[in-house]
Amino acid sequence: MPISFRIFADRGLVYVSHSGHADVEQSRVAFEEYANHPDCRPGQKQLVDMPGLTSFSQDYVEMMKLRARMADVFLAENAQTLLVYLAPNPVAMELCKSFLPAWNDNVGFVPLVQSEEAKVLSLLGQKETSIAELLQAAQ
Protein backbone atom coordinates (compact mmCIF):
# COMPACT_ATOMS: atom_id res chain seq x y z
CA MET A 1 0.00 0.00 0.00
CA PRO A 2 1.39 3.44 -0.84
CA ILE A 3 0.32 4.68 2.62
CA SER A 4 1.49 3.14 5.85
CA PHE A 5 1.80 4.25 9.46
CA ARG A 6 3.55 3.36 12.69
CA ILE A 7 2.53 4.62 16.09
CA PHE A 8 5.30 5.31 18.59
CA ALA A 9 3.06 5.54 21.65
CA ASP A 10 5.94 6.21 24.05
CA ARG A 11 6.88 9.30 21.98
CA GLY A 12 3.33 10.46 21.27
CA LEU A 13 4.26 10.27 17.59
CA VAL A 14 2.75 8.78 14.47
CA TYR A 15 4.92 8.19 11.41
CA VAL A 16 2.97 8.19 8.13
CA SER A 17 4.67 7.28 4.87
CA HIS A 18 3.26 8.15 1.44
CA SER A 19 4.75 6.83 -1.80
CA GLY A 20 3.62 6.56 -5.39
CA HIS A 21 0.19 8.00 -6.15
CA ALA A 22 -1.76 9.55 -3.26
CA ASP A 23 -5.40 8.59 -3.62
CA VAL A 24 -8.17 9.85 -1.33
CA GLU A 25 -9.74 6.41 -0.93
CA GLN A 26 -6.42 4.84 0.05
CA SER A 27 -5.87 7.70 2.48
CA ARG A 28 -9.32 7.13 3.99
CA VAL A 29 -8.67 3.40 4.45
CA ALA A 30 -5.26 4.02 6.06
CA PHE A 31 -6.70 6.72 8.33
CA GLU A 32 -9.51 4.43 9.51
CA GLU A 33 -6.91 1.77 10.33
CA TYR A 34 -5.06 4.37 12.39
CA ALA A 35 -8.26 5.66 14.06
CA ASN A 36 -9.18 2.11 15.10
CA HIS A 37 -5.70 1.15 16.30
CA PRO A 38 -5.49 0.59 20.06
CA ASP A 39 -2.56 3.04 20.35
CA CYS A 40 -4.37 5.88 18.57
CA ARG A 41 -4.73 8.91 20.87
CA PRO A 42 -5.97 12.47 20.35
CA GLY A 43 -3.11 14.96 20.15
CA GLN A 44 -0.45 12.57 18.84
CA LYS A 45 2.11 14.41 16.74
CA GLN A 46 1.98 13.40 13.08
CA LEU A 47 5.10 13.05 10.91
CA VAL A 48 3.97 12.73 7.29
CA ASP A 49 6.87 11.53 5.12
CA MET A 50 6.36 12.14 1.38
CA PRO A 51 9.68 11.86 -0.50
CA GLY A 52 8.34 8.95 -2.59
CA LEU A 53 5.17 10.74 -3.66
CA THR A 54 4.87 10.85 -7.46
CA SER A 55 1.30 12.10 -8.03
CA PHE A 56 -1.99 12.73 -6.25
CA SER A 57 -5.74 12.81 -6.85
CA GLN A 58 -7.51 16.13 -6.74
CA ASP A 59 -10.93 15.01 -5.52
CA TYR A 60 -11.57 18.01 -3.29
CA VAL A 61 -15.05 16.96 -2.13
CA GLU A 62 -13.84 13.57 -0.88
CA MET A 63 -10.73 15.17 0.61
CA MET A 64 -12.88 17.60 2.61
CA LYS A 65 -14.91 14.64 3.94
CA LEU A 66 -11.69 12.91 4.96
CA ARG A 67 -10.38 16.05 6.68
CA ALA A 68 -13.60 16.31 8.67
CA ARG A 69 -13.16 12.70 9.83
CA MET A 70 -9.54 13.36 10.69
CA ALA A 71 -10.55 16.38 12.76
CA ASP A 72 -12.98 14.19 14.73
CA VAL A 73 -10.11 11.88 15.71
CA PHE A 74 -7.23 14.34 16.04
CA LEU A 75 -9.16 16.93 18.04
CA ALA A 76 -11.12 14.64 20.36
CA GLU A 77 -10.95 15.66 24.01
CA ASN A 78 -10.01 19.23 22.92
CA ALA A 79 -6.54 18.05 21.89
CA GLN A 80 -4.25 20.00 19.58
CA THR A 81 -2.37 18.19 16.84
CA LEU A 82 1.01 19.07 15.37
CA LEU A 83 1.19 17.88 11.75
CA VAL A 84 4.66 18.10 10.21
CA TYR A 85 5.03 17.22 6.55
CA LEU A 86 8.32 16.24 4.94
CA ALA A 87 7.86 17.45 1.37
CA PRO A 88 11.27 17.28 -0.31
CA ASN A 89 10.04 17.20 -3.91
CA PRO A 90 7.79 19.41 -6.06
CA VAL A 91 4.86 16.94 -6.10
CA ALA A 92 4.80 16.64 -2.32
CA MET A 93 5.11 20.41 -1.92
CA GLU A 94 2.23 20.96 -4.37
CA LEU A 95 0.03 18.53 -2.44
CA CYS A 96 0.79 20.33 0.82
CA LYS A 97 -0.05 23.70 -0.71
CA SER A 98 -3.39 22.32 -1.90
CA PHE A 99 -4.60 21.24 1.55
CA LEU A 100 -2.74 23.29 4.15
CA PRO A 101 -5.19 26.21 4.02
CA ALA A 102 -7.94 23.86 5.23
CA TRP A 103 -5.90 22.88 8.31
CA ASN A 104 -5.00 26.51 9.04
CA ASP A 105 -8.69 27.31 9.49
CA ASN A 106 -8.93 24.97 12.46
CA VAL A 107 -7.60 26.16 15.80
CA GLY A 108 -6.64 22.67 16.95
CA PHE A 109 -4.19 22.00 14.12
CA VAL A 110 -0.63 23.21 13.77
CA PRO A 111 0.44 22.23 10.23
CA LEU A 112 4.06 22.74 9.17
CA VAL A 113 5.90 21.81 5.98
CA GLN A 114 9.64 21.27 5.67
CA SER A 115 11.89 19.87 2.98
CA GLU A 116 14.64 18.54 5.27
CA GLU A 117 14.42 15.52 7.58
CA ALA A 118 16.47 17.03 10.39
CA LYS A 119 14.20 20.09 10.57
CA VAL A 120 11.06 17.93 10.59
CA LEU A 121 12.39 15.82 13.44
CA SER A 122 13.52 18.86 15.39
CA LEU A 123 10.06 20.44 15.10
CA LEU A 124 8.59 17.22 16.46
CA GLY A 125 10.99 17.24 19.43
CA GLN A 126 12.89 14.14 18.31
CA LYS A 127 16.63 13.78 18.94
CA GLU A 128 17.32 11.86 15.72
CA THR A 129 18.42 13.75 12.60
CA SER A 130 17.12 11.32 9.98
CA ILE A 131 13.95 9.30 9.60
CA ALA A 132 15.98 6.10 9.17
CA GLU A 133 17.57 6.82 12.56
CA LEU A 134 14.14 7.47 14.11
CA LEU A 135 12.67 4.25 12.74
CA GLN A 136 15.66 2.27 14.01
CA ALA A 137 15.69 3.88 17.46
CA ALA A 138 11.95 3.69 18.00
CA GLN A 139 11.58 -0.06 17.52
C-alpha atoms as a PDB file:
ATOM      1  CA  MET A   1       0.000   0.000   0.000  1.00  0.00           C
ATOM      2  CA  PRO A   2       1.385   3.441  -0.839  1.00  0.00           C
ATOM      3  CA  ILE A   3       0.323   4.682   2.619  1.00  0.00           C
ATOM      4  CA  SER A   4       1.492   3.140   5.853  1.00  0.00           C
ATOM      5  CA  PHE A   5       1.796   4.252   9.461  1.00  0.00           C
ATOM      6  CA  ARG A   6       3.549   3.363  12.691  1.00  0.00           C
ATOM      7  CA  ILE A   7       2.534   4.617  16.094  1.00  0.00           C
ATOM      8  CA  PHE A   8       5.302   5.305  18.592  1.00  0.00           C
ATOM      9  CA  ALA A   9       3.064   5.538  21.648  1.00  0.00           C
ATOM     10  CA  ASP A  10       5.939   6.210  24.049  1.00  0.00           C
ATOM     11  CA  ARG A  11       6.876   9.301  21.984  1.00  0.00           C
ATOM     12  CA  GLY A  12       3.326  10.457  21.270  1.00  0.00           C
ATOM     13  CA  LEU A  13       4.263  10.268  17.590  1.00  0.00           C
ATOM     14  CA  VAL A  14       2.751   8.777  14.467  1.00  0.00           C
ATOM     15  CA  TYR A  15       4.922   8.190  11.411  1.00  0.00           C
ATOM     16  CA  VAL A  16       2.965   8.192   8.135  1.00  0.00           C
ATOM     17  CA  SER A  17       4.670   7.285   4.869  1.00  0.00           C
ATOM     18  CA  HIS A  18       3.256   8.149   1.436  1.00  0.00           C
ATOM     19  CA  SER A  19       4.754   6.827  -1.797  1.00  0.00           C
ATOM     20  CA  GLY A  20       3.621   6.560  -5.387  1.00  0.00           C
ATOM     21  CA  HIS A  21       0.189   8.000  -6.155  1.00  0.00           C
ATOM     22  CA  ALA A  22      -1.764   9.546  -3.258  1.00  0.00           C
ATOM     23  CA  ASP A  23      -5.396   8.593  -3.618  1.00  0.00           C
ATOM     24  CA  VAL A  24      -8.168   9.854  -1.333  1.00  0.00           C
ATOM     25  CA  GLU A  25      -9.744   6.410  -0.932  1.00  0.00           C
ATOM     26  CA  GLN A  26      -6.423   4.836   0.050  1.00  0.00           C
ATOM     27  CA  SER A  27      -5.873   7.705   2.477  1.00  0.00           C
ATOM     28  CA  ARG A  28      -9.319   7.126   3.991  1.00  0.00           C
ATOM     29  CA  VAL A  29      -8.672   3.399   4.450  1.00  0.00           C
ATOM     30  CA  ALA A  30      -5.262   4.022   6.065  1.00  0.00           C
ATOM     31  CA  PHE A  31      -6.700   6.716   8.332  1.00  0.00           C
ATOM     32  CA  GLU A  32      -9.513   4.434   9.513  1.00  0.00           C
ATOM     33  CA  GLU A  33      -6.911   1.768  10.331  1.00  0.00           C
ATOM     34  CA  TYR A  34      -5.061   4.368  12.392  1.00  0.00           C
ATOM     35  CA  ALA A  35      -8.260   5.661  14.059  1.00  0.00           C
ATOM     36  CA  ASN A  36      -9.182   2.107  15.097  1.00  0.00           C
ATOM     37  CA  HIS A  37      -5.699   1.155  16.295  1.00  0.00           C
ATOM     38  CA  PRO A  38      -5.489   0.586  20.061  1.00  0.00           C
ATOM     39  CA  ASP A  39      -2.557   3.035  20.351  1.00  0.00           C
ATOM     40  CA  CYS A  40      -4.365   5.884  18.570  1.00  0.00           C
ATOM     41  CA  ARG A  41      -4.734   8.907  20.874  1.00  0.00           C
ATOM     42  CA  PRO A  42      -5.969  12.469  20.347  1.00  0.00           C
ATOM     43  CA  GLY A  43      -3.115  14.956  20.146  1.00  0.00           C
ATOM     44  CA  GLN A  44      -0.450  12.569  18.840  1.00  0.00           C
ATOM     45  CA  LYS A  45       2.114  14.411  16.737  1.00  0.00           C
ATOM     46  CA  GLN A  46       1.980  13.401  13.077  1.00  0.00           C
ATOM     47  CA  LEU A  47       5.102  13.053  10.910  1.00  0.00           C
ATOM     48  CA  VAL A  48       3.973  12.729   7.292  1.00  0.00           C
ATOM     49  CA  ASP A  49       6.866  11.531   5.119  1.00  0.00           C
ATOM     50  CA  MET A  50       6.361  12.142   1.380  1.00  0.00           C
ATOM     51  CA  PRO A  51       9.682  11.861  -0.502  1.00  0.00           C
ATOM     52  CA  GLY A  52       8.345   8.951  -2.589  1.00  0.00           C
ATOM     53  CA  LEU A  53       5.167  10.744  -3.658  1.00  0.00           C
ATOM     54  CA  THR A  54       4.868  10.853  -7.457  1.00  0.00           C
ATOM     55  CA  SER A  55       1.301  12.104  -8.028  1.00  0.00           C
ATOM     56  CA  PHE A  56      -1.992  12.731  -6.246  1.00  0.00           C
ATOM     57  CA  SER A  57      -5.737  12.805  -6.848  1.00  0.00           C
ATOM     58  CA  GLN A  58      -7.505  16.128  -6.741  1.00  0.00           C
ATOM     59  CA  ASP A  59     -10.929  15.015  -5.517  1.00  0.00           C
ATOM     60  CA  TYR A  60     -11.574  18.011  -3.287  1.00  0.00           C
ATOM     61  CA  VAL A  61     -15.052  16.964  -2.133  1.00  0.00           C
ATOM     62  CA  GLU A  62     -13.838  13.574  -0.884  1.00  0.00           C
ATOM     63  CA  MET A  63     -10.729  15.170   0.611  1.00  0.00           C
ATOM     64  CA  MET A  64     -12.879  17.597   2.612  1.00  0.00           C
ATOM     65  CA  LYS A  65     -14.906  14.643   3.944  1.00  0.00           C
ATOM     66  CA  LEU A  66     -11.690  12.908   4.964  1.00  0.00           C
ATOM     67  CA  ARG A  67     -10.378  16.049   6.676  1.00  0.00           C
ATOM     68  CA  ALA A  68     -13.604  16.307   8.671  1.00  0.00           C
ATOM     69  CA  ARG A  69     -13.164  12.701   9.826  1.00  0.00           C
ATOM     70  CA  MET A  70      -9.535  13.362  10.691  1.00  0.00           C
ATOM     71  CA  ALA A  71     -10.555  16.382  12.760  1.00  0.00           C
ATOM     72  CA  ASP A  72     -12.979  14.189  14.735  1.00  0.00           C
ATOM     73  CA  VAL A  73     -10.109  11.882  15.714  1.00  0.00           C
ATOM     74  CA  PHE A  74      -7.227  14.344  16.040  1.00  0.00           C
ATOM     75  CA  LEU A  75      -9.160  16.927  18.042  1.00  0.00           C
ATOM     76  CA  ALA A  76     -11.120  14.639  20.357  1.00  0.00           C
ATOM     77  CA  GLU A  77     -10.952  15.659  24.010  1.00  0.00           C
ATOM     78  CA  ASN A  78     -10.009  19.225  22.918  1.00  0.00           C
ATOM     79  CA  ALA A  79      -6.540  18.055  21.891  1.00  0.00           C
ATOM     80  CA  GLN A  80      -4.249  19.995  19.585  1.00  0.00           C
ATOM     81  CA  THR A  81      -2.366  18.185  16.842  1.00  0.00           C
ATOM     82  CA  LEU A  82       1.009  19.068  15.372  1.00  0.00           C
ATOM     83  CA  LEU A  83       1.189  17.875  11.746  1.00  0.00           C
ATOM     84  CA  VAL A  84       4.661  18.104  10.210  1.00  0.00           C
ATOM     85  CA  TYR A  85       5.026  17.217   6.549  1.00  0.00           C
ATOM     86  CA  LEU A  86       8.318  16.239   4.940  1.00  0.00           C
ATOM     87  CA  ALA A  87       7.860  17.452   1.366  1.00  0.00           C
ATOM     88  CA  PRO A  88      11.272  17.284  -0.312  1.00  0.00           C
ATOM     89  CA  ASN A  89      10.041  17.199  -3.909  1.00  0.00           C
ATOM     90  CA  PRO A  90       7.787  19.411  -6.061  1.00  0.00           C
ATOM     91  CA  VAL A  91       4.857  16.941  -6.100  1.00  0.00           C
ATOM     92  CA  ALA A  92       4.802  16.641  -2.315  1.00  0.00           C
ATOM     93  CA  MET A  93       5.105  20.414  -1.918  1.00  0.00           C
ATOM     94  CA  GLU A  94       2.231  20.961  -4.369  1.00  0.00           C
ATOM     95  CA  LEU A  95       0.033  18.529  -2.437  1.00  0.00           C
ATOM     96  CA  CYS A  96       0.789  20.330   0.824  1.00  0.00           C
ATOM     97  CA  LYS A  97      -0.049  23.701  -0.711  1.00  0.00           C
ATOM     98  CA  SER A  98      -3.387  22.321  -1.899  1.00  0.00           C
ATOM     99  CA  PHE A  99      -4.601  21.241   1.554  1.00  0.00           C
ATOM    100  CA  LEU A 100      -2.736  23.295   4.148  1.00  0.00           C
ATOM    101  CA  PRO A 101      -5.186  26.209   4.023  1.00  0.00           C
ATOM    102  CA  ALA A 102      -7.941  23.861   5.234  1.00  0.00           C
ATOM    103  CA  TRP A 103      -5.897  22.884   8.310  1.00  0.00           C
ATOM    104  CA  ASN A 104      -4.998  26.509   9.040  1.00  0.00           C
ATOM    105  CA  ASP A 105      -8.687  27.311   9.485  1.00  0.00           C
ATOM    106  CA  ASN A 106      -8.931  24.966  12.455  1.00  0.00           C
ATOM    107  CA  VAL A 107      -7.595  26.162  15.800  1.00  0.00           C
ATOM    108  CA  GLY A 108      -6.637  22.666  16.953  1.00  0.00           C
ATOM    109  CA  PHE A 109      -4.193  21.995  14.117  1.00  0.00           C
ATOM    110  CA  VAL A 110      -0.626  23.206  13.774  1.00  0.00           C
ATOM    111  CA  PRO A 111       0.442  22.229  10.231  1.00  0.00           C
ATOM    112  CA  LEU A 112       4.055  22.742   9.171  1.00  0.00           C
ATOM    113  CA  VAL A 113       5.903  21.810   5.979  1.00  0.00           C
ATOM    114  CA  GLN A 114       9.636  21.271   5.667  1.00  0.00           C
ATOM    115  CA  SER A 115      11.891  19.871   2.976  1.00  0.00           C
ATOM    116  CA  GLU A 116      14.641  18.540   5.269  1.00  0.00           C
ATOM    117  CA  GLU A 117      14.421  15.523   7.584  1.00  0.00           C
ATOM    118  CA  ALA A 118      16.473  17.034  10.395  1.00  0.00           C
ATOM    119  CA  LYS A 119      14.197  20.089  10.568  1.00  0.00           C
ATOM    120  CA  VAL A 120      11.063  17.927  10.593  1.00  0.00           C
ATOM    121  CA  LEU A 121      12.394  15.815  13.436  1.00  0.00           C
ATOM    122  CA  SER A 122      13.515  18.858  15.394  1.00  0.00           C
ATOM    123  CA  LEU A 123      10.061  20.440  15.097  1.00  0.00           C
ATOM    124  CA  LEU A 124       8.588  17.216  16.457  1.00  0.00           C
ATOM    125  CA  GLY A 125      10.989  17.241  19.425  1.00  0.00           C
ATOM    126  CA  GLN A 126      12.889  14.144  18.309  1.00  0.00           C
ATOM    127  CA  LYS A 127      16.626  13.779  18.943  1.00  0.00           C
ATOM    128  CA  GLU A 128      17.321  11.863  15.716  1.00  0.00           C
ATOM    129  CA  THR A 129      18.422  13.752  12.597  1.00  0.00           C
ATOM    130  CA  SER A 130      17.124  11.318   9.985  1.00  0.00           C
ATOM    131  CA  ILE A 131      13.953   9.299   9.602  1.00  0.00           C
ATOM    132  CA  ALA A 132      15.979   6.100   9.169  1.00  0.00           C
ATOM    133  CA  GLU A 133      17.574   6.819  12.555  1.00  0.00           C
ATOM    134  CA  LEU A 134      14.137   7.473  14.111  1.00  0.00           C
ATOM    135  CA  LEU A 135      12.668   4.249  12.743  1.00  0.00           C
ATOM    136  CA  GLN A 136      15.660   2.271  14.006  1.00  0.00           C
ATOM    137  CA  ALA A 137      15.691   3.878  17.462  1.00  0.00           C
ATOM    138  CA  ALA A 138      11.947   3.693  18.004  1.00  0.00           C
ATOM    139  CA  GLN A 139      11.576  -0.059  17.520  1.00  0.00           C
END
